[in-house]
Structure formats: C-alpha cells, structure tokens
C-alpha atoms as a PDB file:
ATOM      1  CA  MET A   1       0.000   0.000   0.000  1.00  0.00           C
ATOM      2  CA  THR A   2       1.076   3.590  -0.640  1.00  0.00           C
ATOM      3  CA  GLY A   3       0.411   6.634   1.534  1.00  0.00           C
ATOM      4  CA  PRO A   4       0.837  10.368   0.822  1.00  0.00           C
ATOM      5  CA  ASP A   5       4.545  10.122   1.659  1.00  0.00           C
ATOM      6  CA  GLY A   6       5.262   6.916  -0.233  1.00  0.00           C
ATOM      7  CA  PRO A   7       4.949   3.202   0.447  1.00  0.00           C
ATOM      8  CA  LEU A   8       3.588   2.258   3.840  1.00  0.00           C
ATOM      9  CA  PRO A   9       5.569  -0.254   5.906  1.00  0.00           C
ATOM     10  CA  ALA A  10       4.261  -3.788   5.640  1.00  0.00           C
ATOM     11  CA  ARG A  11       2.207  -4.950   8.580  1.00  0.00           C
ATOM     12  CA  PRO A  12       3.916  -7.804  10.421  1.00  0.00           C
ATOM     13  CA  ALA A  13       2.401 -11.231   9.943  1.00  0.00           C
ATOM     14  CA  PRO A  14       0.373 -12.405  12.940  1.00  0.00           C
ATOM     15  CA  ILE A  15       2.152 -14.713  15.317  1.00  0.00           C
ATOM     16  CA  ARG A  16       1.178 -18.320  14.707  1.00  0.00           C
ATOM     17  CA  ASN A  17      -0.058 -20.250  17.733  1.00  0.00           C
ATOM     18  CA  ALA A  18      -0.037 -24.005  18.318  1.00  0.00           C
ATOM     19  CA  MET A  19      -3.374 -25.800  18.009  1.00  0.00           C
ATOM     20  CA  THR A  20      -3.412 -29.109  19.894  1.00  0.00           C
ATOM     21  CA  VAL A  21      -5.888 -31.901  20.574  1.00  0.00           C
ATOM     22  CA  ASP A  22      -5.592 -34.443  23.405  1.00  0.00           C
ATOM     23  CA  VAL A  23      -7.095 -37.550  21.806  1.00  0.00           C
ATOM     24  CA  GLU A  24      -8.967 -39.537  24.437  1.00  0.00           C
ATOM     25  CA  ASP A  25     -12.554 -40.704  24.780  1.00  0.00           C
ATOM     26  CA  TYR A  26     -15.072 -39.164  27.163  1.00  0.00           C
ATOM     27  CA  PHE A  27     -14.835 -42.039  29.664  1.00  0.00           C
ATOM     28  CA  GLN A  28     -11.024 -41.798  29.963  1.00  0.00           C
ATOM     29  CA  VAL A  29     -10.753 -38.368  31.554  1.00  0.00           C
ATOM     30  CA  GLN A  30      -9.158 -37.794  34.950  1.00  0.00           C
ATOM     31  CA  THR A  31     -12.339 -36.438  36.480  1.00  0.00           C
ATOM     32  CA  PHE A  32     -14.154 -39.779  35.998  1.00  0.00           C
ATOM     33  CA  THR A  33     -11.420 -42.109  37.281  1.00  0.00           C
ATOM     34  CA  GLY A  34     -13.336 -42.663  40.518  1.00  0.00           C
ATOM     35  CA  CYS A  35     -16.458 -43.995  38.803  1.00  0.00           C
ATOM     36  CA  ILE A  36     -15.199 -45.654  35.569  1.00  0.00           C
ATOM     37  CA  PRO A  37     -12.578 -48.360  36.126  1.00  0.00           C
ATOM     38  CA  ARG A  38     -10.036 -48.904  33.349  1.00  0.00           C
ATOM     39  CA  ALA A  39     -11.025 -52.565  33.181  1.00  0.00           C
ATOM     40  CA  SER A  40     -14.445 -51.503  31.837  1.00  0.00           C
ATOM     41  CA  TRP A  41     -13.205 -49.334  28.969  1.00  0.00           C
ATOM     42  CA  ASP A  42     -13.471 -51.975  26.260  1.00  0.00           C
ATOM     43  CA  ALA A  43     -17.113 -52.576  27.177  1.00  0.00           C
ATOM     44  CA  ILE A  44     -18.099 -48.907  26.694  1.00  0.00           C
ATOM     45  CA  PRO A  45     -19.230 -47.888  23.190  1.00  0.00           C
ATOM     46  CA  PRO A  46     -16.544 -45.513  21.864  1.00  0.00           C
ATOM     47  CA  ARG A  47     -17.290 -42.053  20.528  1.00  0.00           C
ATOM     48  CA  VAL A  48     -13.737 -40.873  19.875  1.00  0.00           C
ATOM     49  CA  GLU A  49     -13.641 -41.719  16.168  1.00  0.00           C
ATOM     50  CA  ALA A  50     -16.754 -39.709  15.289  1.00  0.00           C
ATOM     51  CA  ASN A  51     -15.606 -36.851  17.507  1.00  0.00           C
ATOM     52  CA  VAL A  52     -12.133 -36.683  15.967  1.00  0.00           C
ATOM     53  CA  GLU A  53     -13.794 -36.620  12.546  1.00  0.00           C
ATOM     54  CA  ARG A  54     -15.745 -33.559  13.710  1.00  0.00           C
ATOM     55  CA  VAL A  55     -12.514 -31.928  14.846  1.00  0.00           C
ATOM     56  CA  LEU A  56     -10.849 -32.699  11.518  1.00  0.00           C
ATOM     57  CA  ALA A  57     -13.799 -31.087   9.726  1.00  0.00           C
ATOM     58  CA  HIS A  58     -13.500 -27.907  11.830  1.00  0.00           C
ATOM     59  CA  PHE A  59      -9.785 -27.717  11.052  1.00  0.00           C
ATOM     60  CA  ALA A  60     -10.243 -28.401   7.333  1.00  0.00           C
ATOM     61  CA  ALA A  61     -12.882 -25.673   7.035  1.00  0.00           C
ATOM     62  CA  ALA A  62     -10.498 -23.192   8.659  1.00  0.00           C
ATOM     63  CA  GLY A  63      -7.409 -24.370   6.762  1.00  0.00           C
ATOM     64  CA  VAL A  64      -5.648 -25.217  10.040  1.00  0.00           C
ATOM     65  CA  THR A  65      -3.285 -28.041  10.908  1.00  0.00           C
ATOM     66  CA  GLY A  66      -2.512 -28.984  14.489  1.00  0.00           C
ATOM     67  CA  THR A  67      -0.920 -31.559  16.771  1.00  0.00           C
ATOM     68  CA  PHE A  68      -2.885 -34.584  17.994  1.00  0.00           C
ATOM     69  CA  PHE A  69      -1.499 -35.888  21.311  1.00  0.00           C
ATOM     70  CA  THR A  70      -2.953 -39.397  21.115  1.00  0.00           C
ATOM     71  CA  LEU A  71      -3.354 -42.247  23.575  1.00  0.00           C
ATOM     72  CA  GLY A  72      -1.753 -45.500  22.508  1.00  0.00           C
ATOM     73  CA  TRP A  73      -4.914 -47.275  23.729  1.00  0.00           C
ATOM     74  CA  ILE A  74      -6.921 -45.293  21.165  1.00  0.00           C
ATOM     75  CA  ALA A  75      -4.401 -45.884  18.366  1.00  0.00           C
ATOM     76  CA  GLU A  76      -4.497 -49.670  18.879  1.00  0.00           C
ATOM     77  CA  ARG A  77      -8.274 -49.752  18.541  1.00  0.00           C
ATOM     78  CA  HIS A  78      -8.691 -47.106  15.847  1.00  0.00           C
ATOM     79  CA  PRO A  79      -5.653 -47.367  13.538  1.00  0.00           C
ATOM     80  CA  ALA A  80      -7.509 -46.019  10.497  1.00  0.00           C
ATOM     81  CA  LEU A  81      -8.309 -42.857  12.459  1.00  0.00           C
ATOM     82  CA  ILE A  82      -4.622 -42.328  13.200  1.00  0.00           C
ATOM     83  CA  ARG A  83      -3.822 -42.634   9.503  1.00  0.00           C
ATOM     84  CA  ARG A  84      -6.538 -40.098   8.651  1.00  0.00           C
ATOM     85  CA  ILE A  85      -5.044 -37.614  11.112  1.00  0.00           C
ATOM     86  CA  VAL A  86      -1.633 -38.000   9.477  1.00  0.00           C
ATOM     87  CA  ALA A  87      -3.039 -37.916   5.937  1.00  0.00           C
ATOM     88  CA  ALA A  88      -4.734 -34.585   6.692  1.00  0.00           C
ATOM     89  CA  GLY A  89      -1.338 -33.030   7.448  1.00  0.00           C
ATOM     90  CA  HIS A  90      -1.493 -32.955  11.242  1.00  0.00           C
ATOM     91  CA  GLU A  91       1.332 -33.801  13.624  1.00  0.00           C
ATOM     92  CA  LEU A  92       0.980 -37.090  15.493  1.00  0.00           C
ATOM     93  CA  ALA A  93       2.270 -36.984  19.079  1.00  0.00           C
ATOM     94  CA  SER A  94       2.029 -39.087  22.237  1.00  0.00           C
ATOM     95  CA  HIS A  95      -0.347 -38.736  25.181  1.00  0.00           C
ATOM     96  CA  GLY A  96       0.932 -41.891  26.851  1.00  0.00           C
ATOM     97  CA  TYR A  97      -0.714 -45.286  26.561  1.00  0.00           C
ATOM     98  CA  ASP A  98      -3.858 -45.219  28.712  1.00  0.00           C
ATOM     99  CA  HIS A  99      -4.029 -41.825  30.428  1.00  0.00           C
ATOM    100  CA  THR A 100      -2.210 -42.947  33.543  1.00  0.00           C
ATOM    101  CA  ARG A 101      -0.790 -39.900  35.257  1.00  0.00           C
ATOM    102  CA  ALA A 102       2.990 -39.568  34.939  1.00  0.00           C
ATOM    103  CA  ASP A 103       3.286 -38.741  38.651  1.00  0.00           C
ATOM    104  CA  ALA A 104       1.486 -42.011  39.510  1.00  0.00           C
ATOM    105  CA  GLN A 105       4.201 -44.081  37.824  1.00  0.00           C
ATOM    106  CA  ASP A 106       7.712 -44.934  38.933  1.00  0.00           C
ATOM    107  CA  PRO A 107      10.587 -44.172  36.528  1.00  0.00           C
ATOM    108  CA  ALA A 108      10.700 -47.687  35.084  1.00  0.00           C
ATOM    109  CA  SER A 109       6.972 -47.962  34.391  1.00  0.00           C
ATOM    110  CA  PHE A 110       6.844 -44.431  33.003  1.00  0.00           C
ATOM    111  CA  ARG A 111       9.664 -45.116  30.582  1.00  0.00           C
ATOM    112  CA  ALA A 112       8.020 -48.372  29.479  1.00  0.00           C
ATOM    113  CA  ASP A 113       4.735 -46.498  28.907  1.00  0.00           C
ATOM    114  CA  ILE A 114       6.190 -43.689  26.815  1.00  0.00           C
ATOM    115  CA  GLY A 115       8.453 -45.987  24.822  1.00  0.00           C
ATOM    116  CA  ARG A 116       5.653 -48.397  24.017  1.00  0.00           C
ATOM    117  CA  THR A 117       3.336 -45.582  22.974  1.00  0.00           C
ATOM    118  CA  ARG A 118       5.863 -43.855  20.739  1.00  0.00           C
ATOM    119  CA  ARG A 119       6.674 -47.079  18.881  1.00  0.00           C
ATOM    120  CA  LEU A 120       2.982 -47.907  18.529  1.00  0.00           C
ATOM    121  CA  LEU A 121       2.076 -44.505  17.099  1.00  0.00           C
ATOM    122  CA  GLU A 122       5.005 -44.529  14.688  1.00  0.00           C
ATOM    123  CA  ASP A 123       4.138 -48.027  13.456  1.00  0.00           C
ATOM    124  CA  ILE A 124       0.493 -47.138  12.853  1.00  0.00           C
ATOM    125  CA  GLY A 125       0.944 -43.555  11.634  1.00  0.00           C
ATOM    126  CA  GLY A 126       4.073 -44.157   9.592  1.00  0.00           C
ATOM    127  CA  VAL A 127       5.637 -40.881  10.769  1.00  0.00           C
ATOM    128  CA  PRO A 128       8.184 -39.947  13.456  1.00  0.00           C
ATOM    129  CA  VAL A 129       6.717 -38.958  16.829  1.00  0.00           C
ATOM    130  CA  ALA A 130       8.647 -36.128  18.486  1.00  0.00           C
ATOM    131  CA  GLY A 131       6.222 -34.746  21.063  1.00  0.00           C
ATOM    132  CA  TYR A 132       4.605 -35.872  24.301  1.00  0.00           C
ATOM    133  CA  ARG A 133       1.968 -34.507  26.658  1.00  0.00           C
ATOM    134  CA  ALA A 134       1.434 -36.094  30.052  1.00  0.00           C
ATOM    135  CA  ALA A 135      -2.072 -37.058  31.121  1.00  0.00           C
ATOM    136  CA  THR A 136      -3.556 -34.206  33.170  1.00  0.00           C
ATOM    137  CA  PHE A 137      -0.314 -32.182  32.896  1.00  0.00           C
ATOM    138  CA  SER A 138       1.179 -34.522  35.479  1.00  0.00           C
ATOM    139  CA  ILE A 139       4.854 -33.636  35.153  1.00  0.00           C
ATOM    140  CA  GLY A 140       5.947 -31.254  37.863  1.00  0.00           C
ATOM    141  CA  ALA A 141       8.039 -30.833  40.981  1.00  0.00           C
ATOM    142  CA  ARG A 142       7.278 -34.410  42.140  1.00  0.00           C
ATOM    143  CA  ASN A 143       8.701 -36.152  39.058  1.00  0.00           C
ATOM    144  CA  PRO A 144      11.330 -34.026  37.266  1.00  0.00           C
ATOM    145  CA  TRP A 145      13.072 -37.293  36.298  1.00  0.00           C
ATOM    146  CA  ALA A 146      10.369 -37.701  33.632  1.00  0.00           C
ATOM    147  CA  PHE A 147      12.149 -35.288  31.282  1.00  0.00           C
ATOM    148  CA  ALA A 148      15.283 -37.439  31.129  1.00  0.00           C
ATOM    149  CA  ALA A 149      13.123 -40.513  30.506  1.00  0.00           C
ATOM    150  CA  LEU A 150      11.377 -38.773  27.619  1.00  0.00           C
ATOM    151  CA  GLU A 151      14.681 -37.800  26.069  1.00  0.00           C
ATOM    152  CA  ALA A 152      16.029 -41.334  26.486  1.00  0.00           C
ATOM    153  CA  GLU A 153      12.983 -42.703  24.638  1.00  0.00           C
ATOM    154  CA  GLY A 154      13.589 -40.427  21.653  1.00  0.00           C
ATOM    155  CA  TYR A 155      11.170 -37.562  22.271  1.00  0.00           C
ATOM    156  CA  ARG A 156      12.346 -34.083  21.304  1.00  0.00           C
ATOM    157  CA  TYR A 157       9.814 -32.027  23.213  1.00  0.00           C
ATOM    158  CA  SER A 158       7.205 -32.229  25.946  1.00  0.00           C
ATOM    159  CA  SER A 159       4.179 -30.005  26.508  1.00  0.00           C
ATOM    160  CA  SER A 160       3.284 -31.355  29.929  1.00  0.00           C
ATOM    161  CA  VAL A 161       3.768 -28.507  32.405  1.00  0.00           C
ATOM    162  CA  ASN A 162       0.933 -26.133  33.190  1.00  0.00           C
ATOM    163  CA  PRO A 163       2.404 -23.291  35.281  1.00  0.00           C
ATOM    164  CA  ILE A 164      -0.755 -22.549  37.267  1.00  0.00           C
ATOM    165  CA  ARG A 165      -2.300 -23.569  40.602  1.00  0.00           C
ATOM    166  CA  HIS A 166      -4.994 -26.220  40.184  1.00  0.00           C
ATOM    167  CA  ASP A 167      -6.368 -28.991  42.348  1.00  0.00           C
ATOM    168  CA  LEU A 168      -5.433 -31.694  39.808  1.00  0.00           C
ATOM    169  CA  TYR A 169      -2.129 -30.380  38.430  1.00  0.00           C
ATOM    170  CA  GLY A 170       0.112 -27.365  38.116  1.00  0.00           C
ATOM    171  CA  MET A 171       3.644 -26.126  38.582  1.00  0.00           C
ATOM    172  CA  PRO A 172       3.177 -22.377  39.183  1.00  0.00           C
ATOM    173  CA  ASP A 173       6.898 -21.698  39.670  1.00  0.00           C
ATOM    174  CA  ALA A 174       7.861 -23.190  36.295  1.00  0.00           C
ATOM    175  CA  PRO A 175       8.930 -20.871  33.462  1.00  0.00           C
ATOM    176  CA  ARG A 176       6.106 -19.524  31.329  1.00  0.00           C
ATOM    177  CA  VAL A 177       8.209 -19.865  28.175  1.00  0.00           C
ATOM    178  CA  PRO A 178       9.873 -22.930  26.595  1.00  0.00           C
ATOM    179  CA  PHE A 179      12.779 -24.209  28.657  1.00  0.00           C
ATOM    180  CA  ARG A 180      15.233 -27.060  28.845  1.00  0.00           C
ATOM    181  CA  PRO A 181      15.026 -28.889  32.185  1.00  0.00           C
ATOM    182  CA  ASP A 182      18.290 -29.526  34.004  1.00  0.00           C
ATOM    183  CA  HIS A 183      20.673 -31.984  32.354  1.00  0.00           C
ATOM    184  CA  VAL A 184      18.544 -32.714  29.263  1.00  0.00           C
ATOM    185  CA  MET A 185      18.374 -31.362  25.723  1.00  0.00           C
ATOM    186  CA  LEU A 186      14.629 -32.004  25.403  1.00  0.00           C
ATOM    187  CA  TRP A 187      12.453 -28.878  25.390  1.00  0.00           C
ATOM    188  CA  GLU A 188       9.499 -28.435  27.712  1.00  0.00           C
ATOM    189  CA  ILE A 189       6.977 -26.125  26.029  1.00  0.00           C
ATOM    190  CA  PRO A 190       4.578 -25.164  28.842  1.00  0.00           C
ATOM    191  CA  MET A 191       0.924 -24.329  28.482  1.00  0.00           C
ATOM    192  CA  THR A 192       0.083 -20.683  27.938  1.00  0.00           C
ATOM    193  CA  THR A 193      -0.647 -18.373  30.844  1.00  0.00           C
ATOM    194  CA  VAL A 194      -1.048 -14.643  31.372  1.00  0.00           C
ATOM    195  CA  ARG A 195       0.586 -12.924  34.311  1.00  0.00           C
ATOM    196  CA  VAL A 196      -1.880 -10.853  36.365  1.00  0.00           C
ATOM    197  CA  PHE A 197      -1.038  -9.301  39.759  1.00  0.00           C
ATOM    198  CA  GLY A 198       1.879 -11.657  40.233  1.00  0.00           C
ATOM    199  CA  ARG A 199      -0.091 -14.808  39.452  1.00  0.00           C
ATOM    200  CA  ASN A 200      -0.258 -17.034  36.365  1.00  0.00           C
ATOM    201  CA  LEU A 201      -3.772 -17.355  34.979  1.00  0.00           C
ATOM    202  CA  PRO A 202      -4.690 -20.107  32.487  1.00  0.00           C
ATOM    203  CA  CYS A 203      -4.942 -19.155  28.827  1.00  0.00           C
ATOM    204  CA  SER A 204      -4.513 -22.413  26.949  1.00  0.00           C
ATOM    205  CA  GLY A 205      -7.978 -23.878  26.524  1.00  0.00           C
ATOM    206  CA  GLY A 206      -9.505 -26.987  28.047  1.00  0.00           C
ATOM    207  CA  GLY A 207     -12.340 -26.505  30.511  1.00  0.00           C
ATOM    208  CA  PHE A 208     -11.362 -22.891  31.135  1.00  0.00           C
ATOM    209  CA  PHE A 209     -12.145 -22.101  27.489  1.00  0.00           C
ATOM    210  CA  ARG A 210     -15.677 -23.427  27.895  1.00  0.00           C
ATOM    211  CA  LEU A 211     -16.232 -21.814  31.289  1.00  0.00           C
ATOM    212  CA  LEU A 212     -14.873 -18.302  30.684  1.00  0.00           C
ATOM    213  CA  PRO A 213     -16.448 -15.706  28.386  1.00  0.00           C
ATOM    214  CA  TYR A 214     -14.882 -15.897  24.940  1.00  0.00           C
ATOM    215  CA  PRO A 215     -13.714 -12.225  24.968  1.00  0.00           C
ATOM    216  CA  ALA A 216     -11.677 -12.906  28.136  1.00  0.00           C
ATOM    217  CA  PHE A 217      -9.848 -15.795  26.510  1.00  0.00           C
ATOM    218  CA  HIS A 218      -9.348 -13.823  23.287  1.00  0.00           C
ATOM    219  CA  ALA A 219      -7.859 -10.913  25.210  1.00  0.00           C
ATOM    220  CA  GLY A 220      -5.424 -13.153  27.058  1.00  0.00           C
ATOM    221  CA  LEU A 221      -4.089 -14.881  23.957  1.00  0.00           C
ATOM    222  CA  ALA A 222      -3.912 -11.602  22.059  1.00  0.00           C
ATOM    223  CA  TRP A 223      -1.850 -10.131  24.921  1.00  0.00           C
ATOM    224  CA  VAL A 224       0.625 -12.999  24.743  1.00  0.00           C
ATOM    225  CA  ASN A 225       0.971 -12.566  20.971  1.00  0.00           C
ATOM    226  CA  ARG A 226       1.167  -8.769  20.831  1.00  0.00           C
ATOM    227  CA  HIS A 227       2.809  -7.715  24.081  1.00  0.00           C
ATOM    228  CA  GLU A 228       4.999 -10.738  24.819  1.00  0.00           C
ATOM    229  CA  SER A 229       5.682 -11.400  21.105  1.00  0.00           C
ATOM    230  CA  ARG A 230       5.418 -15.141  21.454  1.00  0.00           C
ATOM    231  CA  PRO A 231       3.065 -17.934  20.403  1.00  0.00           C
ATOM    232  CA  GLY A 232       0.493 -19.499  22.643  1.00  0.00           C
ATOM    233  CA  ILE A 233      -0.765 -23.068  22.879  1.00  0.00           C
ATOM    234  CA  PHE A 234      -4.428 -24.056  22.757  1.00  0.00           C
ATOM    235  CA  TYR A 235      -5.679 -27.514  23.678  1.00  0.00           C
ATOM    236  CA  PHE A 236      -9.002 -29.295  23.808  1.00  0.00           C
ATOM    237  CA  HIS A 237     -10.409 -32.844  23.617  1.00  0.00           C
ATOM    238  CA  PRO A 238     -12.582 -34.521  20.983  1.00  0.00           C
ATOM    239  CA  TRP A 239     -15.315 -35.175  23.564  1.00  0.00           C
ATOM    240  CA  GLU A 240     -15.688 -31.408  24.020  1.00  0.00           C
ATOM    241  CA  VAL A 241     -17.379 -31.127  20.608  1.00  0.00           C
ATOM    242  CA  ASP A 242     -19.867 -33.866  21.554  1.00  0.00           C
ATOM    243  CA  PRO A 243     -22.783 -32.425  23.553  1.00  0.00           C
ATOM    244  CA  ASP A 244     -24.779 -35.651  23.109  1.00  0.00           C
ATOM    245  CA  GLN A 245     -22.302 -37.909  24.923  1.00  0.00           C
ATOM    246  CA  PRO A 246     -23.703 -40.110  27.720  1.00  0.00           C
ATOM    247  CA  ARG A 247     -23.893 -38.659  31.222  1.00  0.00           C
ATOM    248  CA  ILE A 248     -21.810 -40.640  33.701  1.00  0.00           C
ATOM    249  CA  ALA A 249     -23.744 -42.119  36.596  1.00  0.00           C
ATOM    250  CA  GLY A 250     -22.036 -41.623  39.918  1.00  0.00           C
ATOM    251  CA  ALA A 251     -19.997 -38.555  38.951  1.00  0.00           C
ATOM    252  CA  ASP A 252     -19.969 -35.878  41.633  1.00  0.00           C
ATOM    253  CA  ARG A 253     -21.224 -32.340  41.106  1.00  0.00           C
ATOM    254  CA  LYS A 254     -17.788 -30.808  40.540  1.00  0.00           C
ATOM    255  CA  SER A 255     -16.909 -33.451  37.949  1.00  0.00           C
ATOM    256  CA  ARG A 256     -20.195 -32.951  36.103  1.00  0.00           C
ATOM    257  CA  PHE A 257     -19.705 -29.191  36.108  1.00  0.00           C
ATOM    258  CA  ARG A 258     -16.166 -29.428  34.755  1.00  0.00           C
ATOM    259  CA  HIS A 259     -16.974 -31.958  32.082  1.00  0.00           C
ATOM    260  CA  TYR A 260     -20.375 -30.948  30.717  1.00  0.00           C
ATOM    261  CA  THR A 261     -20.596 -27.154  31.008  1.00  0.00           C
ATOM    262  CA  ASN A 262     -21.041 -25.432  27.625  1.00  0.00           C
ATOM    263  CA  LEU A 263     -20.361 -28.491  25.472  1.00  0.00           C
ATOM    264  CA  ALA A 264     -23.096 -27.327  23.098  1.00  0.00           C
ATOM    265  CA  ARG A 265     -21.256 -24.037  22.545  1.00  0.00           C
ATOM    266  CA  MET A 266     -17.817 -25.525  21.998  1.00  0.00           C
ATOM    267  CA  GLY A 267     -18.070 -26.013  18.232  1.00  0.00           C
ATOM    268  CA  GLY A 268     -19.020 -22.407  17.603  1.00  0.00           C
ATOM    269  CA  ARG A 269     -16.376 -21.085  19.979  1.00  0.00           C
ATOM    270  CA  LEU A 270     -13.756 -23.267  18.321  1.00  0.00           C
ATOM    271  CA  ASP A 271     -14.639 -21.949  14.862  1.00  0.00           C
ATOM    272  CA  ARG A 272     -14.420 -18.389  16.163  1.00  0.00           C
ATOM    273  CA  LEU A 273     -11.018 -19.051  17.703  1.00  0.00           C
ATOM    274  CA  LEU A 274      -9.707 -20.664  14.519  1.00  0.00           C
ATOM    275  CA  ALA A 275     -10.750 -17.568  12.568  1.00  0.00           C
ATOM    276  CA  ASP A 276      -9.490 -14.971  15.047  1.00  0.00           C
ATOM    277  CA  PHE A 277      -5.880 -16.196  15.344  1.00  0.00           C
ATOM    278  CA  SER A 278      -3.218 -17.868  13.226  1.00  0.00           C
ATOM    279  CA  TRP A 279      -2.611 -21.563  14.002  1.00  0.00           C
ATOM    280  CA  GLY A 280      -0.222 -24.405  13.232  1.00  0.00           C
ATOM    281  CA  ARG A 281       1.333 -27.627  14.486  1.00  0.00           C
ATOM    282  CA  MET A 282       3.583 -27.703  17.541  1.00  0.00           C
ATOM    283  CA  ASP A 283       6.569 -28.890  15.513  1.00  0.00           C
ATOM    284  CA  GLN A 284       6.104 -26.021  13.049  1.00  0.00           C
ATOM    285  CA  VAL A 285       5.272 -23.227  15.496  1.00  0.00           C
ATOM    286  CA  PHE A 286       8.323 -24.118  17.598  1.00  0.00           C
ATOM    287  CA  ALA A 287      10.511 -25.247  14.692  1.00  0.00           C
ATOM    288  CA  SER A 288      13.362 -22.917  15.656  1.00  0.00           C
ATOM    289  CA  LEU A 289      13.666 -24.711  19.022  1.00  0.00           C
ATOM    290  CA  LEU A 290      13.324 -28.209  17.657  1.00  0.00           C
ATOM    291  CA  ALA A 291      15.657 -27.940  14.686  1.00  0.00           C
ATOM    292  CA  PRO A 292      18.576 -30.353  15.016  1.00  0.00           C
ATOM    293  CA  ALA A 293      21.749 -28.693  16.277  1.00  0.00           C
ATOM    294  CA  ALA A 294      24.354 -27.995  13.636  1.00  0.00           C
ATOM    295  CA  ALA A 295      27.174 -30.513  13.522  1.00  0.00           C
END
C-alpha cells in the first residue's frame, strides 16, 4: 500500500499459535477415574472416532493443521483414524498409553509407557513422533526425572507442564516460556498463561475455554501474541465437541460441572477461535527450538 509520503511499511504477519488436541474418549478423563474403572473401557461404546472426525472437519474448514497428542490405547483400537489424522497433514504426538498420570508411575513404568506408545504410534501412523503430553499435565516438581526418561525414549519435546495452581495439576513456579530442564536437551513447552497481579492465569484452553467468556480468553491470547511477542498453545479434547455424549452415573457435582458445562457451545467457539488467530502444528510453530543442532 502507498500513503501520501510513499509506500507504507508492511504490517507484520500475525504470530502463529499451536493448536493441539488431546485424543482420548469421554470415559477416559481424569475427572471420571473414581467412577469408571479402566477394566471396563473396552465394554463402553466408543465415541472418539466420530468426535475426531468432527474436529478434523472444523480444522479443514479453517485451513488449520494442528498436533494430535494421542493415547496408545486409542491408536491400537482405531488405527484407520490415526492414519486419517496423518493424511490430513497434522502432527501425530504421544499422550501416553492409557491416560495414567505420569506422577502415579515410577521411573521404570513411566519409561516403558512412553516408549511403548511412541513405537505404537510410529508403526500405525508411519511418521516420526517427536512430542509428548502427560495425562492431566502430570509432570511437575514431584517427578522431574520424567524429562530425562522422555529424552532417552527419543522424544524431542514435551508439553506437559501447566504453570498454574490447580487442584489436579500445576507447577506455578515453572517458566512460562519454553525451557530445557536440568541436564537434558529435550524442550518443555509449557501451556500458555497470562501474568496478572503476580499470578499465572490459564490461557490455553480446556475446561477454562468453555467456562470463561470468549472475549476474556481472546484478550489473554492476544496479549501474549502482541505484548509478549510469542506464540500461545491451545488444547481441547474430541469429547468437548460432543454435547450428546452419555452422562456418567455416579460422577460428583464438581466433575459434572467441569466436564459438561457449555459443550453445546464448543463447536461455535472453536470456529471463532480458529478464525481470530493464526494456528499451526507444535513442531512447526516451535521449529526454531526443535531444529537439530548444527554438527
């Protein structure tokens, strides 16, 4: 464009954020562990395949690719779905095998879990798997050894730390920006927060995205992009675009509130978010960190 004094400076391209999906079915979430035993999972009719197809349709309509942190348990039972995710241009990453919290495992069992899942996903998807996200953001001060285990099993990055205070997870003293934990080369890329009155507030999606007014979330992510000049991370689950999913008998009031609130609005909010910001895969948004070191 040209102004009265000559060409106008080009407007900078918007910062691209990372769009991520934690691929698990509605009955596998942390909030229902007290009323749905793992041994019953195979007897429950799955909804994950149809829900991931809905997510893929939202992304295709918006021209967005993202990262799908996927349970090995899901990949074993729905291999064609994994191949469709890859064929659509999305990054395939690990969410562990069966949503067991990382801080509930000892080092040996954790390493076996993440190694098994990475090999399984690579065999089914036919692509390298570089990224990992712990179930319920369960890497923190109690299990810092997990980073070395991830590196030893061939992962290049983790997105498992949420630097907030929460009753189920959180490491509020962790860096808010990507960092390398002590003694490892693997990058931890923490979930996005905004700093308000000396406290980290969540700004990365999940239940908070459904519970908070959309303008509040938009303002937080825009602040991170414009004033901190860095990308954010958004995450959600396929079951969040499924308002017709069964209601779990025996779930307490808090669990029902967290899981079911505003499910019917999630699809519209997601489309709005996809249109309002620029999005990409984790491995592309953070490519400068993950590029192999020069020899």
